[in-house]
PDB file of N, CA and C in Angstrom:
ATOM      1  N   MET A   1      17.363   8.080 -25.305  1.00  0.00           N
ATOM      2  CA  MET A   1      18.535   7.289 -25.013  1.00  0.00           C
ATOM      3  C   MET A   1      18.238   6.455 -23.760  1.00  0.00           C
ATOM      4  N   PRO A   2      18.616   5.177 -23.806  1.00  0.00           N
ATOM      5  CA  PRO A   2      18.384   4.327 -22.630  1.00  0.00           C
ATOM      6  C   PRO A   2      19.198   4.802 -21.434  1.00  0.00           C
ATOM      7  N   PRO A   3      18.687   4.575 -20.237  1.00  0.00           N
ATOM      8  CA  PRO A   3      19.431   4.999 -19.051  1.00  0.00           C
ATOM      9  C   PRO A   3      20.767   4.269 -18.937  1.00  0.00           C
ATOM     10  N   GLY A   4      21.759   4.979 -18.451  1.00  0.00           N
ATOM     11  CA  GLY A   4      23.075   4.389 -18.249  1.00  0.00           C
ATOM     12  C   GLY A   4      24.006   4.521 -19.443  1.00  0.00           C
ATOM     13  N   GLU A   5      23.514   5.022 -20.578  1.00  0.00           N
ATOM     14  CA  GLU A   5      24.367   5.204 -21.746  1.00  0.00           C
ATOM     15  C   GLU A   5      24.798   6.666 -21.838  1.00  0.00           C
ATOM     16  N   SER A   6      26.034   6.856 -22.263  1.00  0.00           N
ATOM     17  CA  SER A   6      26.527   8.226 -22.398  1.00  0.00           C
ATOM     18  C   SER A   6      26.618   8.596 -23.877  1.00  0.00           C
ATOM     19  N   VAL A   7      26.671   9.874 -24.142  1.00  0.00           N
ATOM     20  CA  VAL A   7      26.777  10.376 -25.504  1.00  0.00           C
ATOM     21  C   VAL A   7      28.245  10.437 -25.888  1.00  0.00           C
ATOM     22  N   HIS A   8      28.561   9.913 -27.069  1.00  0.00           N
ATOM     23  CA  HIS A   8      29.937   9.957 -27.567  1.00  0.00           C
ATOM     24  C   HIS A   8      30.117  11.223 -28.395  1.00  0.00           C
ATOM     25  N   ILE A   9      31.049  12.042 -28.026  1.00  0.00           N
ATOM     26  CA  ILE A   9      31.356  13.252 -28.777  1.00  0.00           C
ATOM     27  C   ILE A   9      32.625  12.994 -29.565  1.00  0.00           C
ATOM     28  N   ALA A  10      32.513  13.139 -30.890  1.00  0.00           N
ATOM     29  CA  ALA A  10      33.630  12.828 -31.774  1.00  0.00           C
ATOM     30  C   ALA A  10      34.747  13.863 -31.629  1.00  0.00           C
ATOM     31  N   SER A  11      35.962  13.362 -31.695  1.00  0.00           N
ATOM     32  CA  SER A  11      37.118  14.257 -31.651  1.00  0.00           C
ATOM     33  C   SER A  11      37.278  14.951 -33.008  1.00  0.00           C
ATOM     34  N   LYS A  12      38.152  15.942 -33.053  1.00  0.00           N
ATOM     35  CA  LYS A  12      38.382  16.697 -34.286  1.00  0.00           C
ATOM     36  C   LYS A  12      38.944  15.773 -35.375  1.00  0.00           C
ATOM     37  N   ASP A  13      39.854  14.869 -35.001  1.00  0.00           N
ATOM     38  CA  ASP A  13      40.423  13.928 -35.971  1.00  0.00           C
ATOM     39  C   ASP A  13      39.365  12.959 -36.490  1.00  0.00           C
ATOM     40  N   GLU A  14      38.491  12.505 -35.592  1.00  0.00           N
ATOM     41  CA  GLU A  14      37.432  11.578 -36.000  1.00  0.00           C
ATOM     42  C   GLU A  14      36.444  12.271 -36.943  1.00  0.00           C
ATOM     43  N   LYS A  15      36.100  13.522 -36.664  1.00  0.00           N
ATOM     44  CA  LYS A  15      35.203  14.281 -37.544  1.00  0.00           C
ATOM     45  C   LYS A  15      35.840  14.470 -38.923  1.00  0.00           C
ATOM     46  N   LYS A  16      37.146  14.761 -38.945  1.00  0.00           N
ATOM     47  CA  LYS A  16      37.845  14.950 -40.207  1.00  0.00           C
ATOM     48  C   LYS A  16      37.864  13.644 -41.004  1.00  0.00           C
ATOM     49  N   ARG A  17      38.124  12.532 -40.322  1.00  0.00           N
ATOM     50  CA  ARG A  17      38.146  11.226 -40.992  1.00  0.00           C
ATOM     51  C   ARG A  17      36.775  10.893 -41.564  1.00  0.00           C
ATOM     52  N   LEU A  18      35.713  11.149 -40.808  1.00  0.00           N
ATOM     53  CA  LEU A  18      34.357  10.890 -41.286  1.00  0.00           C
ATOM     54  C   LEU A  18      34.007  11.792 -42.465  1.00  0.00           C
ATOM     55  N   TRP A  19      34.440  13.066 -42.415  1.00  0.00           N
ATOM     56  CA  TRP A  19      34.172  13.981 -43.512  1.00  0.00           C
ATOM     57  C   TRP A  19      34.862  13.514 -44.783  1.00  0.00           C
ATOM     58  N   ILE A  20      36.131  13.113 -44.665  1.00  0.00           N
ATOM     59  CA  ILE A  20      36.879  12.632 -45.833  1.00  0.00           C
ATOM     60  C   ILE A  20      36.221  11.370 -46.396  1.00  0.00           C
ATOM     61  N   HIS A  21      35.796  10.488 -45.525  1.00  0.00           N
ATOM     62  CA  HIS A  21      35.128   9.259 -45.969  1.00  0.00           C
ATOM     63  C   HIS A  21      33.843   9.590 -46.720  1.00  0.00           C
ATOM     64  N   ASN A  22      33.008  10.464 -46.171  1.00  0.00           N
ATOM     65  CA  ASN A  22      31.748  10.826 -46.813  1.00  0.00           C
ATOM     66  C   ASN A  22      31.978  11.578 -48.125  1.00  0.00           C
ATOM     67  N   ALA A  23      32.959  12.480 -48.146  1.00  0.00           N
ATOM     68  CA  ALA A  23      33.261  13.217 -49.375  1.00  0.00           C
ATOM     69  C   ALA A  23      33.765  12.272 -50.463  1.00  0.00           C
ATOM     70  N   SER A  24      34.612  11.316 -50.099  1.00  0.00           N
ATOM     71  CA  SER A  24      35.123  10.341 -51.072  1.00  0.00           C
ATOM     72  C   SER A  24      33.996   9.485 -51.630  1.00  0.00           C
ATOM     73  N   LEU A  25      33.098   9.061 -50.757  1.00  0.00           N
ATOM     74  CA  LEU A  25      31.962   8.250 -51.192  1.00  0.00           C
ATOM     75  C   LEU A  25      31.065   9.047 -52.136  1.00  0.00           C
ATOM     76  N   ASN A  26      30.803  10.302 -51.818  1.00  0.00           N
ATOM     77  CA  ASN A  26      29.991  11.142 -52.701  1.00  0.00           C
ATOM     78  C   ASN A  26      30.674  11.357 -54.048  1.00  0.00           C
ATOM     79  N   LEU A  27      31.967  11.588 -54.047  1.00  0.00           N
ATOM     80  CA  LEU A  27      32.691  11.753 -55.307  1.00  0.00           C
ATOM     81  C   LEU A  27      32.644  10.478 -56.146  1.00  0.00           C
ATOM     82  N   LEU A  28      32.723   9.333 -55.491  1.00  0.00           N
ATOM     83  CA  LEU A  28      32.620   8.063 -56.202  1.00  0.00           C
ATOM     84  C   LEU A  28      31.244   7.926 -56.856  1.00  0.00           C
ATOM     85  N   PHE A  29      30.184   8.267 -56.133  1.00  0.00           N
ATOM     86  CA  PHE A  29      28.835   8.185 -56.694  1.00  0.00           C
ATOM     87  C   PHE A  29      28.662   9.162 -57.858  1.00  0.00           C
ATOM     88  N   ILE A  30      29.167  10.377 -57.721  1.00  0.00           N
ATOM     89  CA  ILE A  30      29.045  11.372 -58.784  1.00  0.00           C
ATOM     90  C   ILE A  30      29.823  10.926 -60.023  1.00  0.00           C
ATOM     91  N   ALA A  31      31.027  10.417 -59.832  1.00  0.00           N
ATOM     92  CA  ALA A  31      31.834   9.946 -60.961  1.00  0.00           C
ATOM     93  C   ALA A  31      31.172   8.745 -61.641  1.00  0.00           C
ATOM     94  N   SER A  32      30.583   7.851 -60.858  1.00  0.00           N
ATOM     95  CA  SER A  32      29.888   6.702 -61.434  1.00  0.00           C
ATOM     96  C   SER A  32      28.684   7.151 -62.249  1.00  0.00           C
ATOM     97  N   TRP A  33      27.913   8.093 -61.700  1.00  0.00           N
ATOM     98  CA  TRP A  33      26.756   8.620 -62.419  1.00  0.00           C
ATOM     99  C   TRP A  33      27.191   9.241 -63.748  1.00  0.00           C
ATOM    100  N   PHE A  34      28.239  10.042 -63.714  1.00  0.00           N
ATOM    101  CA  PHE A  34      28.739  10.691 -64.920  1.00  0.00           C
ATOM    102  C   PHE A  34      29.209   9.651 -65.935  1.00  0.00           C
ATOM    103  N   LEU A  35      29.932   8.642 -65.493  1.00  0.00           N
ATOM    104  CA  LEU A  35      30.439   7.603 -66.385  1.00  0.00           C
ATOM    105  C   LEU A  35      29.288   6.845 -67.048  1.00  0.00           C
ATOM    106  N   PHE A  36      28.300   6.422 -66.252  1.00  0.00           N
ATOM    107  CA  PHE A  36      27.190   5.657 -66.817  1.00  0.00           C
ATOM    108  C   PHE A  36      26.328   6.513 -67.739  1.00  0.00           C
ATOM    109  N   ALA A  37      26.101   7.775 -67.402  1.00  0.00           N
ATOM    110  CA  ALA A  37      25.309   8.657 -68.255  1.00  0.00           C
ATOM    111  C   ALA A  37      26.016   8.907 -69.583  1.00  0.00           C
ATOM    112  N   THR A  38      27.311   9.124 -69.535  1.00  0.00           N
ATOM    113  CA  THR A  38      28.084   9.339 -70.758  1.00  0.00           C
ATOM    114  C   THR A  38      28.088   8.083 -71.621  1.00  0.00           C
ATOM    115  N   THR A  39      28.288   6.932 -70.987  1.00  0.00           N
ATOM    116  CA  THR A  39      28.289   5.668 -71.723  1.00  0.00           C
ATOM    117  C   THR A  39      26.941   5.422 -72.385  1.00  0.00           C
ATOM    118  N   LEU A  40      25.858   5.675 -71.671  1.00  0.00           N
ATOM    119  CA  LEU A  40      24.531   5.481 -72.237  1.00  0.00           C
ATOM    120  C   LEU A  40      24.271   6.441 -73.388  1.00  0.00           C
ATOM    121  N   SER A  41      24.731   7.671 -73.279  1.00  0.00           N
ATOM    122  CA  SER A  41      24.549   8.634 -74.374  1.00  0.00           C
ATOM    123  C   SER A  41      25.307   8.210 -75.628  1.00  0.00           C
ATOM    124  N   VAL A  42      26.539   7.766 -75.457  1.00  0.00           N
ATOM    125  CA  VAL A  42      27.331   7.310 -76.603  1.00  0.00           C
ATOM    126  C   VAL A  42      26.699   6.064 -77.214  1.00  0.00           C
ATOM    127  N   TYR A  43      26.228   5.157 -76.376  1.00  0.00           N
ATOM    128  CA  TYR A  43      25.574   3.940 -76.866  1.00  0.00           C
ATOM    129  C   TYR A  43      24.299   4.281 -77.637  1.00  0.00           C
ATOM    130  N   ASN A  44      23.499   5.203 -77.111  1.00  0.00           N
ATOM    131  CA  ASN A  44      22.272   5.591 -77.804  1.00  0.00           C
ATOM    132  C   ASN A  44      22.586   6.262 -79.137  1.00  0.00           C
ATOM    133  N   LYS A  45      23.611   7.099 -79.170  1.00  0.00           N
ATOM    134  CA  LYS A  45      23.996   7.743 -80.424  1.00  0.00           C
ATOM    135  C   LYS A  45      24.395   6.695 -81.451  1.00  0.00           C
ATOM    136  N   TRP A  46      25.136   5.691 -81.026  1.00  0.00           N
ATOM    137  CA  TRP A  46      25.536   4.615 -81.916  1.00  0.00           C
ATOM    138  C   TRP A  46      24.322   3.801 -82.377  1.00  0.00           C
ATOM    139  N   MET A  47      23.432   3.485 -81.439  1.00  0.00           N
ATOM    140  CA  MET A  47      22.295   2.620 -81.754  1.00  0.00           C
ATOM    141  C   MET A  47      21.319   3.294 -82.718  1.00  0.00           C
ATOM    142  N   PHE A  48      21.096   4.598 -82.582  1.00  0.00           N
ATOM    143  CA  PHE A  48      20.115   5.286 -83.416  1.00  0.00           C
ATOM    144  C   PHE A  48      20.734   5.944 -84.650  1.00  0.00           C
ATOM    145  N   SER A  49      22.045   5.847 -84.805  1.00  0.00           N
ATOM    146  CA  SER A  49      22.734   6.471 -85.931  1.00  0.00           C
ATOM    147  C   SER A  49      22.419   5.732 -87.236  1.00  0.00           C
ATOM    148  N   ASP A  50      22.294   6.506 -88.325  1.00  0.00           N
ATOM    149  CA  ASP A  50      22.053   5.901 -89.637  1.00  0.00           C
ATOM    150  C   ASP A  50      23.262   5.097 -90.123  1.00  0.00           C
ATOM    151  N   ASP A  51      24.444   5.451 -89.647  1.00  0.00           N
ATOM    152  CA  ASP A  51      25.668   4.768 -90.092  1.00  0.00           C
ATOM    153  C   ASP A  51      25.921   3.455 -89.362  1.00  0.00           C
ATOM    154  N   HIS A  52      25.252   3.225 -88.252  1.00  0.00           N
ATOM    155  CA  HIS A  52      25.543   2.025 -87.459  1.00  0.00           C
ATOM    156  C   HIS A  52      24.318   1.113 -87.371  1.00  0.00           C
ATOM    157  N   LEU A  53      23.702   1.008 -86.219  1.00  0.00           N
ATOM    158  CA  LEU A  53      22.611   0.054 -86.035  1.00  0.00           C
ATOM    159  C   LEU A  53      21.299   0.541 -86.648  1.00  0.00           C
ATOM    160  N   ASN A  54      21.061   1.845 -86.617  1.00  0.00           N
ATOM    161  CA  ASN A  54      19.855   2.460 -87.198  1.00  0.00           C
ATOM    162  C   ASN A  54      18.569   1.839 -86.638  1.00  0.00           C
ATOM    163  N   PHE A  55      18.505   1.705 -85.329  1.00  0.00           N
ATOM    164  CA  PHE A  55      17.310   1.147 -84.680  1.00  0.00           C
ATOM    165  C   PHE A  55      16.206   2.202 -84.714  1.00  0.00           C
ATOM    166  N   PRO A  56      15.032   1.899 -85.281  1.00  0.00           N
ATOM    167  CA  PRO A  56      14.026   2.939 -85.530  1.00  0.00           C
ATOM    168  C   PRO A  56      13.011   3.163 -84.406  1.00  0.00           C
ATOM    169  N   TYR A  57      13.190   2.550 -83.240  1.00  0.00           N
ATOM    170  CA  TYR A  57      12.165   2.638 -82.198  1.00  0.00           C
ATOM    171  C   TYR A  57      12.730   3.170 -80.872  1.00  0.00           C
ATOM    172  N   PRO A  58      12.983   4.474 -80.762  1.00  0.00           N
ATOM    173  CA  PRO A  58      13.549   5.010 -79.522  1.00  0.00           C
ATOM    174  C   PRO A  58      12.595   4.919 -78.330  1.00  0.00           C
ATOM    175  N   LEU A  59      11.294   4.999 -78.579  1.00  0.00           N
ATOM    176  CA  LEU A  59      10.336   4.886 -77.477  1.00  0.00           C
ATOM    177  C   LEU A  59      10.362   3.486 -76.871  1.00  0.00           C
ATOM    178  N   PHE A  60      10.553   2.472 -77.686  1.00  0.00           N
ATOM    179  CA  PHE A  60      10.670   1.102 -77.187  1.00  0.00           C
ATOM    180  C   PHE A  60      11.898   0.959 -76.290  1.00  0.00           C
ATOM    181  N   VAL A  61      13.008   1.554 -76.714  1.00  0.00           N
ATOM    182  CA  VAL A  61      14.241   1.471 -75.920  1.00  0.00           C
ATOM    183  C   VAL A  61      14.047   2.169 -74.571  1.00  0.00           C
ATOM    184  N   THR A  62      13.413   3.338 -74.567  1.00  0.00           N
ATOM    185  CA  THR A  62      13.151   4.062 -73.323  1.00  0.00           C
ATOM    186  C   THR A  62      12.238   3.251 -72.410  1.00  0.00           C
ATOM    187  N   THR A  63      11.199   2.646 -72.972  1.00  0.00           N
ATOM    188  CA  THR A  63      10.283   1.818 -72.188  1.00  0.00           C
ATOM    189  C   THR A  63      11.016   0.619 -71.605  1.00  0.00           C
ATOM    190  N   LEU A  64      11.860  -0.011 -72.384  1.00  0.00           N
ATOM    191  CA  LEU A  64      12.635  -1.150 -71.897  1.00  0.00           C
ATOM    192  C   LEU A  64      13.573  -0.740 -70.762  1.00  0.00           C
ATOM    193  N   HIS A  65      14.218   0.428 -70.900  1.00  0.00           N
ATOM    194  CA  HIS A  65      15.108   0.917 -69.839  1.00  0.00           C
ATOM    195  C   HIS A  65      14.324   1.178 -68.547  1.00  0.00           C
ATOM    196  N   MET A  66      13.143   1.771 -68.657  1.00  0.00           N
ATOM    197  CA  MET A  66      12.315   2.031 -67.469  1.00  0.00           C
ATOM    198  C   MET A  66      11.862   0.732 -66.815  1.00  0.00           C
ATOM    199  N   PHE A  67      11.515  -0.255 -67.614  1.00  0.00           N
ATOM    200  CA  PHE A  67      11.100  -1.553 -67.075  1.00  0.00           C
ATOM    201  C   PHE A  67      12.253  -2.223 -66.330  1.00  0.00           C
ATOM    202  N   VAL A  68      13.442  -2.189 -66.908  1.00  0.00           N
ATOM    203  CA  VAL A  68      14.609  -2.783 -66.247  1.00  0.00           C
ATOM    204  C   VAL A  68      14.911  -2.046 -64.940  1.00  0.00           C
ATOM    205  N   GLN A  69      14.802  -0.716 -64.929  1.00  0.00           N
ATOM    206  CA  GLN A  69      15.020   0.040 -63.701  1.00  0.00           C
ATOM    207  C   GLN A  69      13.992  -0.324 -62.637  1.00  0.00           C
ATOM    208  N   PHE A  70      12.743  -0.512 -63.041  1.00  0.00           N
ATOM    209  CA  PHE A  70      11.687  -0.899 -62.112  1.00  0.00           C
ATOM    210  C   PHE A  70      11.993  -2.258 -61.491  1.00  0.00           C
ATOM    211  N   ILE A  71      12.395  -3.221 -62.306  1.00  0.00           N
ATOM    212  CA  ILE A  71      12.717  -4.571 -61.806  1.00  0.00           C
ATOM    213  C   ILE A  71      13.914  -4.509 -60.861  1.00  0.00           C
ATOM    214  N   LEU A  72      14.960  -3.780 -61.231  1.00  0.00           N
ATOM    215  CA  LEU A  72      16.143  -3.685 -60.362  1.00  0.00           C
ATOM    216  C   LEU A  72      15.811  -2.999 -59.040  1.00  0.00           C
ATOM    217  N   ALA A  73      14.961  -1.969 -59.068  1.00  0.00           N
ATOM    218  CA  ALA A  73      14.562  -1.301 -57.832  1.00  0.00           C
ATOM    219  C   ALA A  73      13.738  -2.235 -56.952  1.00  0.00           C
ATOM    220  N   ALA A  74      12.868  -3.039 -57.564  1.00  0.00           N
ATOM    221  CA  ALA A  74      12.072  -3.997 -56.794  1.00  0.00           C
ATOM    222  C   ALA A  74      12.967  -5.051 -56.146  1.00  0.00           C
ATOM    223  N   ILE A  75      13.956  -5.517 -56.883  1.00  0.00           N
ATOM    224  CA  ILE A  75      14.902  -6.502 -56.324  1.00  0.00           C
ATOM    225  C   ILE A  75      15.691  -5.877 -55.178  1.00  0.00           C
ATOM    226  N   LEU A  76      16.132  -4.636 -55.356  1.00  0.00           N
ATOM    227  CA  LEU A  76      16.861  -3.935 -54.301  1.00  0.00           C
ATOM    228  C   LEU A  76      16.013  -3.818 -53.038  1.00  0.00           C
ATOM    229  N   ARG A  77      14.748  -3.423 -53.204  1.00  0.00           N
ATOM    230  CA  ARG A  77      13.868  -3.267 -52.040  1.00  0.00           C
ATOM    231  C   ARG A  77      13.568  -4.602 -51.372  1.00  0.00           C
ATOM    232  N   MET A  78      13.544  -5.676 -52.154  1.00  0.00           N
ATOM    233  CA  MET A  78      13.235  -6.985 -51.584  1.00  0.00           C
ATOM    234  C   MET A  78      14.430  -7.541 -50.785  1.00  0.00           C
ATOM    235  N   PHE A  79      15.634  -7.397 -51.331  1.00  0.00           N
ATOM    236  CA  PHE A  79      16.805  -7.997 -50.696  1.00  0.00           C
ATOM    237  C   PHE A  79      17.568  -7.043 -49.787  1.00  0.00           C
ATOM    238  N   TRP A  80      17.249  -5.750 -49.809  1.00  0.00           N
ATOM    239  CA  TRP A  80      17.916  -4.769 -48.958  1.00  0.00           C
ATOM    240  C   TRP A  80      16.844  -3.844 -48.388  1.00  0.00           C
ATOM    241  N   PRO A  81      16.052  -4.351 -47.413  1.00  0.00           N
ATOM    242  CA  PRO A  81      14.882  -3.605 -46.941  1.00  0.00           C
ATOM    243  C   PRO A  81      15.212  -2.306 -46.213  1.00  0.00           C
ATOM    244  N   THR A  82      16.449  -2.082 -45.824  1.00  0.00           N
ATOM    245  CA  THR A  82      16.785  -0.818 -45.153  1.00  0.00           C
ATOM    246  C   THR A  82      16.717   0.358 -46.121  1.00  0.00           C
ATOM    247  N   THR A  83      16.651   0.081 -47.436  1.00  0.00           N
ATOM    248  CA  THR A  83      16.524   1.162 -48.414  1.00  0.00           C
ATOM    249  C   THR A  83      15.080   1.631 -48.554  1.00  0.00           C
ATOM    250  N   ASN A  84      14.138   0.913 -47.970  1.00  0.00           N
ATOM    251  CA  ASN A  84      12.734   1.314 -48.051  1.00  0.00           C
ATOM    252  C   ASN A  84      12.486   2.535 -47.183  1.00  0.00           C
ATOM    253  N   PRO A  85      11.783   3.529 -47.719  1.00  0.00           N
ATOM    254  CA  PRO A  85      11.479   4.705 -46.900  1.00  0.00           C
ATOM    255  C   PRO A  85      10.448   4.360 -45.832  1.00  0.00           C
ATOM    256  N   GLU A  86      10.523   5.073 -44.718  1.00  0.00           N
ATOM    257  CA  GLU A  86       9.547   4.862 -43.656  1.00  0.00           C
ATOM    258  C   GLU A  86       8.263   5.597 -44.003  1.00  0.00           C
ATOM    259  N   TYR A  87       7.157   5.047 -43.552  1.00  0.00           N
ATOM    260  CA  TYR A  87       5.862   5.667 -43.802  1.00  0.00           C
ATOM    261  C   TYR A  87       5.693   6.869 -42.872  1.00  0.00           C
ATOM    262  N   VAL A  88       5.328   8.001 -43.456  1.00  0.00           N
ATOM    263  CA  VAL A  88       5.068   9.205 -42.680  1.00  0.00           C
ATOM    264  C   VAL A  88       3.652   9.657 -43.016  1.00  0.00           C
ATOM    265  N   SER A  89       2.836   9.802 -42.010  1.00  0.00           N
ATOM    266  CA  SER A  89       1.480  10.283 -42.223  1.00  0.00           C
ATOM    267  C   SER A  89       1.521  11.804 -42.263  1.00  0.00           C
ATOM    268  N   TYR A  90       1.422  12.358 -43.458  1.00  0.00           N
ATOM    269  CA  TYR A  90       1.528  13.807 -43.609  1.00  0.00           C
ATOM    270  C   TYR A  90       0.305  14.525 -43.066  1.00  0.00           C
ATOM    271  N   SER A  91      -0.805  13.816 -42.943  1.00  0.00           N
ATOM    272  CA  SER A  91      -1.993  14.476 -42.371  1.00  0.00           C
ATOM    273  C   SER A  91      -1.759  14.805 -40.903  1.00  0.00           C
ATOM    274  N   SER A  92      -1.020  13.946 -40.189  1.00  0.00           N
ATOM    275  CA  SER A  92      -0.747  14.243 -38.778  1.00  0.00           C
ATOM    276  C   SER A  92       0.407  15.226 -38.636  1.00  0.00           C
ATOM    277  N   VAL A  93       1.367  15.208 -39.571  1.00  0.00           N
ATOM    278  CA  VAL A  93       2.504  16.108 -39.518  1.00  0.00           C
ATOM    279  C   VAL A  93       2.090  17.530 -39.884  1.00  0.00           C
ATOM    280  N   MET A  94       1.220  17.660 -40.863  1.00  0.00           N
ATOM    281  CA  MET A  94       0.847  18.963 -41.371  1.00  0.00           C
ATOM    282  C   MET A  94      -0.307  19.615 -40.618  1.00  0.00           C
ATOM    283  N   SER A  95      -0.963  18.872 -39.743  1.00  0.00           N
ATOM    284  CA  SER A  95      -2.097  19.451 -39.036  1.00  0.00           C
ATOM    285  C   SER A  95      -1.600  20.482 -38.017  1.00  0.00           C
ATOM    286  N   CYS A  96      -2.235  21.607 -38.001  1.00  0.00           N
ATOM    287  CA  CYS A  96      -1.854  22.686 -37.087  1.00  0.00           C
ATOM    288  C   CYS A  96      -2.748  22.635 -35.842  1.00  0.00           C
ATOM    289  N   PRO A  97      -2.176  22.841 -34.688  1.00  0.00           N
ATOM    290  CA  PRO A  97      -3.013  22.854 -33.498  1.00  0.00           C
ATOM    291  C   PRO A  97      -3.930  24.075 -33.512  1.00  0.00           C
ATOM    292  N   ALA A  98      -5.121  23.887 -33.008  1.00  0.00           N
ATOM    293  CA  ALA A  98      -6.110  24.979 -33.038  1.00  0.00           C
ATOM    294  C   ALA A  98      -5.871  25.989 -31.967  1.00  0.00           C
TER     295      ALA A  98
END
């Protein structure tokens, strides 16, 4: 910490507000994940069903989904660099002093 700066200690109300905010955000992410996973499962069932689209190439669909995820992750890393993990040299972290 730079000299002259003090440490801010959160009050009980501030901690509660932050906890509620973080819990709400996590619930939103979990609900979104569940919604998208369910939607994708129903869509895949429809697409591969003999009664509907009857698409015969499930491996192609999986490959296409992985490619789209790769492109979206690359775009995310390019335009939002704070999501990039920091480099950690595990050889220096894991080395034991003699």
